[in-house]
Amino acid sequence: MEFTITLLNFVYAIFGAILTIVFMVIGYAVFDKITPFDTSRQLAEKNTAVGIVVGSIFVGLGVAVGLVIGLGLN
């Protein structure tokens, strides 16, 4: 019984991580569309300001979506 609960929580965690990554990719795509510049090109040119903003977006989306999915699945 206890092993089943542990296995189910592990599956929930994997599913939540996959969904979080999917939403982070969608968030990056939306950010890339709404900005007047090419985000990927700016990152390739080592634009520090764009890197900080993109990193902040990933952290914010990861925390928010991860918490929502994690609390919703358990």
PDB file of N, CA and C in Angstrom:
ATOM      1  N   MET A   1       0.831  -1.199   0.000  1.00  0.00           N
ATOM      2  CA  MET A   1       0.000   0.000   0.000  1.00  0.00           C
ATOM      3  C   MET A   1       0.869   1.254   0.000  1.00  0.00           C
ATOM      4  N   GLU A   2       1.874   1.279   0.874  1.00  0.00           N
ATOM      5  CA  GLU A   2       2.727   2.449   0.967  1.00  0.00           C
ATOM      6  C   GLU A   2       3.559   2.631  -0.303  1.00  0.00           C
ATOM      7  N   PHE A   3       3.981   1.525  -0.905  1.00  0.00           N
ATOM      8  CA  PHE A   3       4.743   1.588  -2.147  1.00  0.00           C
ATOM      9  C   PHE A   3       3.893   2.162  -3.273  1.00  0.00           C
ATOM     10  N   THR A   4       2.616   1.825  -3.306  1.00  0.00           N
ATOM     11  CA  THR A   4       1.715   2.324  -4.333  1.00  0.00           C
ATOM     12  C   THR A   4       1.558   3.845  -4.217  1.00  0.00           C
ATOM     13  N   ILE A   5       1.428   4.339  -3.007  1.00  0.00           N
ATOM     14  CA  ILE A   5       1.296   5.779  -2.791  1.00  0.00           C
ATOM     15  C   ILE A   5       2.574   6.490  -3.208  1.00  0.00           C
ATOM     16  N   THR A   6       3.717   5.917  -2.861  1.00  0.00           N
ATOM     17  CA  THR A   6       4.995   6.512  -3.243  1.00  0.00           C
ATOM     18  C   THR A   6       5.159   6.521  -4.758  1.00  0.00           C
ATOM     19  N   LEU A   7       4.803   5.430  -5.407  1.00  0.00           N
ATOM     20  CA  LEU A   7       4.906   5.351  -6.857  1.00  0.00           C
ATOM     21  C   LEU A   7       3.960   6.349  -7.527  1.00  0.00           C
ATOM     22  N   LEU A   8       2.750   6.475  -7.008  1.00  0.00           N
ATOM     23  CA  LEU A   8       1.782   7.411  -7.563  1.00  0.00           C
ATOM     24  C   LEU A   8       2.256   8.855  -7.405  1.00  0.00           C
ATOM     25  N   ASN A   9       2.840   9.187  -6.261  1.00  0.00           N
ATOM     26  CA  ASN A   9       3.379  10.533  -6.057  1.00  0.00           C
ATOM     27  C   ASN A   9       4.553  10.800  -6.997  1.00  0.00           C
ATOM     28  N   PHE A  10       5.364   9.777  -7.264  1.00  0.00           N
ATOM     29  CA  PHE A  10       6.468   9.920  -8.206  1.00  0.00           C
ATOM     30  C   PHE A  10       5.945  10.197  -9.610  1.00  0.00           C
ATOM     31  N   VAL A  11       4.906   9.485 -10.017  1.00  0.00           N
ATOM     32  CA  VAL A  11       4.299   9.706 -11.338  1.00  0.00           C
ATOM     33  C   VAL A  11       3.711  11.112 -11.415  1.00  0.00           C
ATOM     34  N   TYR A  12       3.056  11.559 -10.344  1.00  0.00           N
ATOM     35  CA  TYR A  12       2.522  12.918 -10.309  1.00  0.00           C
ATOM     36  C   TYR A  12       3.640  13.950 -10.447  1.00  0.00           C
ATOM     37  N   ALA A  13       4.756  13.708  -9.768  1.00  0.00           N
ATOM     38  CA  ALA A  13       5.880  14.646  -9.831  1.00  0.00           C
ATOM     39  C   ALA A  13       6.456  14.707 -11.243  1.00  0.00           C
ATOM     40  N   ILE A  14       6.607  13.565 -11.901  1.00  0.00           N
ATOM     41  CA  ILE A  14       7.124  13.539 -13.274  1.00  0.00           C
ATOM     42  C   ILE A  14       6.152  14.259 -14.209  1.00  0.00           C
ATOM     43  N   PHE A  15       4.873  13.976 -14.074  1.00  0.00           N
ATOM     44  CA  PHE A  15       3.860  14.627 -14.903  1.00  0.00           C
ATOM     45  C   PHE A  15       3.861  16.134 -14.677  1.00  0.00           C
ATOM     46  N   GLY A  16       3.974  16.556 -13.427  1.00  0.00           N
ATOM     47  CA  GLY A  16       4.021  17.981 -13.111  1.00  0.00           C
ATOM     48  C   GLY A  16       5.260  18.648 -13.687  1.00  0.00           C
ATOM     49  N   ALA A  17       6.394  17.965 -13.645  1.00  0.00           N
ATOM     50  CA  ALA A  17       7.622  18.527 -14.213  1.00  0.00           C
ATOM     51  C   ALA A  17       7.507  18.678 -15.721  1.00  0.00           C
ATOM     52  N   ILE A  18       6.926  17.699 -16.379  1.00  0.00           N
ATOM     53  CA  ILE A  18       6.746  17.775 -17.833  1.00  0.00           C
ATOM     54  C   ILE A  18       5.816  18.928 -18.186  1.00  0.00           C
ATOM     55  N   LEU A  19       4.708  19.056 -17.474  1.00  0.00           N
ATOM     56  CA  LEU A  19       3.778  20.164 -17.735  1.00  0.00           C
ATOM     57  C   LEU A  19       4.432  21.517 -17.471  1.00  0.00           C
ATOM     58  N   THR A  20       5.243  21.609 -16.425  1.00  0.00           N
ATOM     59  CA  THR A  20       5.923  22.858 -16.123  1.00  0.00           C
ATOM     60  C   THR A  20       6.871  23.249 -17.250  1.00  0.00           C
ATOM     61  N   ILE A  21       7.626  22.286 -17.770  1.00  0.00           N
ATOM     62  CA  ILE A  21       8.543  22.562 -18.872  1.00  0.00           C
ATOM     63  C   ILE A  21       7.772  22.987 -20.118  1.00  0.00           C
ATOM     64  N   VAL A  22       6.645  22.330 -20.380  1.00  0.00           N
ATOM     65  CA  VAL A  22       5.820  22.706 -21.541  1.00  0.00           C
ATOM     66  C   VAL A  22       5.331  24.147 -21.402  1.00  0.00           C
ATOM     67  N   PHE A  23       4.864  24.516 -20.221  1.00  0.00           N
ATOM     68  CA  PHE A  23       4.381  25.882 -20.023  1.00  0.00           C
ATOM     69  C   PHE A  23       5.523  26.901 -20.061  1.00  0.00           C
ATOM     70  N   MET A  24       6.717  26.506 -19.652  1.00  0.00           N
ATOM     71  CA  MET A  24       7.860  27.408 -19.754  1.00  0.00           C
ATOM     72  C   MET A  24       8.224  27.659 -21.215  1.00  0.00           C
ATOM     73  N   VAL A  25       8.154  26.635 -22.041  1.00  0.00           N
ATOM     74  CA  VAL A  25       8.422  26.801 -23.473  1.00  0.00           C
ATOM     75  C   VAL A  25       7.360  27.698 -24.106  1.00  0.00           C
ATOM     76  N   ILE A  26       6.106  27.485 -23.735  1.00  0.00           N
ATOM     77  CA  ILE A  26       5.023  28.336 -24.253  1.00  0.00           C
ATOM     78  C   ILE A  26       5.221  29.785 -23.799  1.00  0.00           C
ATOM     79  N   GLY A  27       5.609  29.981 -22.547  1.00  0.00           N
ATOM     80  CA  GLY A  27       5.862  31.329 -22.037  1.00  0.00           C
ATOM     81  C   GLY A  27       6.997  32.018 -22.776  1.00  0.00           C
ATOM     82  N   TYR A  28       8.063  31.279 -23.081  1.00  0.00           N
ATOM     83  CA  TYR A  28       9.170  31.852 -23.848  1.00  0.00           C
ATOM     84  C   TYR A  28       8.713  32.223 -25.257  1.00  0.00           C
ATOM     85  N   ALA A  29       7.905  31.368 -25.863  1.00  0.00           N
ATOM     86  CA  ALA A  29       7.411  31.648 -27.218  1.00  0.00           C
ATOM     87  C   ALA A  29       6.530  32.896 -27.224  1.00  0.00           C
ATOM     88  N   VAL A  30       5.682  33.041 -26.219  1.00  0.00           N
ATOM     89  CA  VAL A  30       4.826  34.226 -26.131  1.00  0.00           C
ATOM     90  C   VAL A  30       5.680  35.478 -25.929  1.00  0.00           C
ATOM     91  N   PHE A  31       6.679  35.378 -25.041  1.00  0.00           N
ATOM     92  CA  PHE A  31       7.576  36.521 -24.810  1.00  0.00           C
ATOM     93  C   PHE A  31       8.308  36.891 -26.093  1.00  0.00           C
ATOM     94  N   ASP A  32       8.749  35.895 -26.843  1.00  0.00           N
ATOM     95  CA  ASP A  32       9.466  36.150 -28.097  1.00  0.00           C
ATOM     96  C   ASP A  32       8.560  36.835 -29.117  1.00  0.00           C
ATOM     97  N   LYS A  33       7.269  36.487 -29.115  1.00  0.00           N
ATOM     98  CA  LYS A  33       6.327  37.093 -30.068  1.00  0.00           C
ATOM     99  C   LYS A  33       5.974  38.533 -29.707  1.00  0.00           C
ATOM    100  N   ILE A  34       5.885  38.862 -28.411  1.00  0.00           N
ATOM    101  CA  ILE A  34       5.427  40.192 -28.021  1.00  0.00           C
ATOM    102  C   ILE A  34       6.550  41.221 -27.972  1.00  0.00           C
ATOM    103  N   THR A  35       7.800  40.785 -27.998  1.00  0.00           N
ATOM    104  CA  THR A  35       8.900  41.741 -27.991  1.00  0.00           C
ATOM    105  C   THR A  35       9.221  42.171 -29.419  1.00  0.00           C
ATOM    106  N   PRO A  36       9.676  43.416 -29.598  1.00  0.00           N
ATOM    107  CA  PRO A  36       9.951  43.906 -30.947  1.00  0.00           C
ATOM    108  C   PRO A  36      11.290  43.410 -31.526  1.00  0.00           C
ATOM    109  N   PHE A  37      12.028  42.620 -30.772  1.00  0.00           N
ATOM    110  CA  PHE A  37      13.310  42.108 -31.241  1.00  0.00           C
ATOM    111  C   PHE A  37      13.313  40.590 -31.195  1.00  0.00           C
ATOM    112  N   ASP A  38      14.293  39.989 -31.849  1.00  0.00           N
ATOM    113  CA  ASP A  38      14.425  38.539 -31.864  1.00  0.00           C
ATOM    114  C   ASP A  38      15.182  38.112 -30.602  1.00  0.00           C
ATOM    115  N   THR A  39      14.484  37.497 -29.683  1.00  0.00           N
ATOM    116  CA  THR A  39      15.065  37.132 -28.405  1.00  0.00           C
ATOM    117  C   THR A  39      16.213  36.143 -28.570  1.00  0.00           C
ATOM    118  N   SER A  40      16.053  35.162 -29.422  1.00  0.00           N
ATOM    119  CA  SER A  40      17.109  34.161 -29.616  1.00  0.00           C
ATOM    120  C   SER A  40      18.381  34.801 -30.161  1.00  0.00           C
ATOM    121  N   ARG A  41      18.238  35.734 -31.075  1.00  0.00           N
ATOM    122  CA  ARG A  41      19.414  36.400 -31.641  1.00  0.00           C
ATOM    123  C   ARG A  41      20.100  37.253 -30.580  1.00  0.00           C
ATOM    124  N   GLN A  42      19.304  37.939 -29.755  1.00  0.00           N
ATOM    125  CA  GLN A  42      19.882  38.754 -28.684  1.00  0.00           C
ATOM    126  C   GLN A  42      20.622  37.890 -27.667  1.00  0.00           C
ATOM    127  N   LEU A  43      20.079  36.728 -27.368  1.00  0.00           N
ATOM    128  CA  LEU A  43      20.768  35.819 -26.453  1.00  0.00           C
ATOM    129  C   LEU A  43      22.059  35.290 -27.076  1.00  0.00           C
ATOM    130  N   ALA A  44      22.039  35.023 -28.383  1.00  0.00           N
ATOM    131  CA  ALA A  44      23.237  34.549 -29.071  1.00  0.00           C
ATOM    132  C   ALA A  44      24.323  35.624 -29.099  1.00  0.00           C
ATOM    133  N   GLU A  45      23.902  36.885 -29.123  1.00  0.00           N
ATOM    134  CA  GLU A  45      24.850  38.000 -29.097  1.00  0.00           C
ATOM    135  C   GLU A  45      25.275  38.343 -27.671  1.00  0.00           C
ATOM    136  N   LYS A  46      24.876  37.540 -26.702  1.00  0.00           N
ATOM    137  CA  LYS A  46      25.244  37.694 -25.286  1.00  0.00           C
ATOM    138  C   LYS A  46      24.759  39.004 -24.688  1.00  0.00           C
ATOM    139  N   ASN A  47      23.526  39.359 -25.009  1.00  0.00           N
ATOM    140  CA  ASN A  47      22.891  40.533 -24.416  1.00  0.00           C
ATOM    141  C   ASN A  47      22.482  40.171 -22.993  1.00  0.00           C
ATOM    142  N   THR A  48      23.173  40.753 -22.028  1.00  0.00           N
ATOM    143  CA  THR A  48      22.967  40.395 -20.624  1.00  0.00           C
ATOM    144  C   THR A  48      21.572  40.763 -20.137  1.00  0.00           C
ATOM    145  N   ALA A  49      21.067  41.902 -20.550  1.00  0.00           N
ATOM    146  CA  ALA A  49      19.744  42.347 -20.097  1.00  0.00           C
ATOM    147  C   ALA A  49      18.652  41.375 -20.547  1.00  0.00           C
ATOM    148  N   VAL A  50      18.724  40.930 -21.794  1.00  0.00           N
ATOM    149  CA  VAL A  50      17.739  39.975 -22.293  1.00  0.00           C
ATOM    150  C   VAL A  50      17.889  38.639 -21.562  1.00  0.00           C
ATOM    151  N   GLY A  51      19.116  38.247 -21.288  1.00  0.00           N
ATOM    152  CA  GLY A  51      19.343  37.002 -20.549  1.00  0.00           C
ATOM    153  C   GLY A  51      18.757  37.033 -19.154  1.00  0.00           C
ATOM    154  N   ILE A  52      18.884  38.162 -18.479  1.00  0.00           N
ATOM    155  CA  ILE A  52      18.311  38.297 -17.139  1.00  0.00           C
ATOM    156  C   ILE A  52      16.789  38.243 -17.196  1.00  0.00           C
ATOM    157  N   VAL A  53      16.200  38.912 -18.173  1.00  0.00           N
ATOM    158  CA  VAL A  53      14.739  38.918 -18.306  1.00  0.00           C
ATOM    159  C   VAL A  53      14.225  37.517 -18.632  1.00  0.00           C
ATOM    160  N   VAL A  54      14.865  36.833 -19.561  1.00  0.00           N
ATOM    161  CA  VAL A  54      14.428  35.479 -19.927  1.00  0.00           C
ATOM    162  C   VAL A  54      14.607  34.530 -18.742  1.00  0.00           C
ATOM    163  N   GLY A  55      15.713  34.653 -18.031  1.00  0.00           N
ATOM    164  CA  GLY A  55      15.914  33.829 -16.841  1.00  0.00           C
ATOM    165  C   GLY A  55      14.854  34.087 -15.782  1.00  0.00           C
ATOM    166  N   SER A  56      14.499  35.348 -15.613  1.00  0.00           N
ATOM    167  CA  SER A  56      13.450  35.700 -14.647  1.00  0.00           C
ATOM    168  C   SER A  56      12.101  35.130 -15.058  1.00  0.00           C
ATOM    169  N   ILE A  57      11.829  35.132 -16.351  1.00  0.00           N
ATOM    170  CA  ILE A  57      10.580  34.555 -16.839  1.00  0.00           C
ATOM    171  C   ILE A  57      10.549  33.059 -16.532  1.00  0.00           C
ATOM    172  N   PHE A  58      11.668  32.368 -16.776  1.00  0.00           N
ATOM    173  CA  PHE A  58      11.724  30.931 -16.504  1.00  0.00           C
ATOM    174  C   PHE A  58      11.543  30.636 -15.015  1.00  0.00           C
ATOM    175  N   VAL A  59      12.186  31.413 -14.172  1.00  0.00           N
ATOM    176  CA  VAL A  59      12.049  31.196 -12.727  1.00  0.00           C
ATOM    177  C   VAL A  59      10.612  31.459 -12.281  1.00  0.00           C
ATOM    178  N   GLY A  60      10.043  32.577 -12.730  1.00  0.00           N
ATOM    179  CA  GLY A  60       8.676  32.912 -12.343  1.00  0.00           C
ATOM    180  C   GLY A  60       7.658  31.903 -12.824  1.00  0.00           C
ATOM    181  N   LEU A  61       7.750  31.519 -14.092  1.00  0.00           N
ATOM    182  CA  LEU A  61       6.819  30.522 -14.613  1.00  0.00           C
ATOM    183  C   LEU A  61       7.025  29.162 -13.951  1.00  0.00           C
ATOM    184  N   GLY A  62       8.273  28.819 -13.721  1.00  0.00           N
ATOM    185  CA  GLY A  62       8.557  27.526 -13.092  1.00  0.00           C
ATOM    186  C   GLY A  62       7.982  27.420 -11.695  1.00  0.00           C
ATOM    187  N   VAL A  63       8.160  28.470 -10.914  1.00  0.00           N
ATOM    188  CA  VAL A  63       7.628  28.466  -9.550  1.00  0.00           C
ATOM    189  C   VAL A  63       6.106  28.467  -9.559  1.00  0.00           C
ATOM    190  N   ALA A  64       5.520  29.370 -10.339  1.00  0.00           N
ATOM    191  CA  ALA A  64       4.063  29.503 -10.335  1.00  0.00           C
ATOM    192  C   ALA A  64       3.376  28.252 -10.876  1.00  0.00           C
ATOM    193  N   VAL A  65       3.780  27.815 -12.046  1.00  0.00           N
ATOM    194  CA  VAL A  65       3.126  26.651 -12.656  1.00  0.00           C
ATOM    195  C   VAL A  65       3.441  25.381 -11.868  1.00  0.00           C
ATOM    196  N   GLY A  66       4.668  25.271 -11.388  1.00  0.00           N
ATOM    197  CA  GLY A  66       5.036  24.107 -10.580  1.00  0.00           C
ATOM    198  C   GLY A  66       4.210  23.990  -9.313  1.00  0.00           C
ATOM    199  N   LEU A  67       3.977  25.101  -8.653  1.00  0.00           N
ATOM    200  CA  LEU A  67       3.155  25.070  -7.446  1.00  0.00           C
ATOM    201  C   LEU A  67       1.701  24.741  -7.761  1.00  0.00           C
ATOM    202  N   VAL A  68       1.168  25.338  -8.806  1.00  0.00           N
ATOM    203  CA  VAL A  68      -0.215  25.076  -9.161  1.00  0.00           C
ATOM    204  C   VAL A  68      -0.400  23.605  -9.532  1.00  0.00           C
ATOM    205  N   ILE A  69       0.471  23.094 -10.360  1.00  0.00           N
ATOM    206  CA  ILE A  69       0.352  21.688 -10.776  1.00  0.00           C
ATOM    207  C   ILE A  69       0.609  20.761  -9.591  1.00  0.00           C
ATOM    208  N   GLY A  70       1.637  21.068  -8.825  1.00  0.00           N
ATOM    209  CA  GLY A  70       1.962  20.215  -7.677  1.00  0.00           C
ATOM    210  C   GLY A  70       0.845  20.162  -6.659  1.00  0.00           C
ATOM    211  N   LEU A  71       0.252  21.290  -6.352  1.00  0.00           N
ATOM    212  CA  LEU A  71      -0.835  21.301  -5.382  1.00  0.00           C
ATOM    213  C   LEU A  71      -2.121  20.724  -5.964  1.00  0.00           C
ATOM    214  N   GLY A  72      -2.289  20.877  -7.268  1.00  0.00           N
ATOM    215  CA  GLY A  72      -3.496  20.356  -7.895  1.00  0.00           C
ATOM    216  C   GLY A  72      -3.497  18.845  -8.043  1.00  0.00           C
ATOM    217  N   LEU A  73      -2.314  18.268  -8.228  1.00  0.00           N
ATOM    218  CA  LEU A  73      -2.249  16.815  -8.433  1.00  0.00           C
ATOM    219  C   LEU A  73      -2.288  16.042  -7.109  1.00  0.00           C
ATOM    220  N   ASN A  74      -1.798  16.636  -6.059  1.00  0.00           N
ATOM    221  CA  ASN A  74      -1.787  15.906  -4.772  1.00  0.00           C
ATOM    222  C   ASN A  74      -3.040  16.237  -4.082  1.00  0.00           C
TER     223      ASN A  74
END
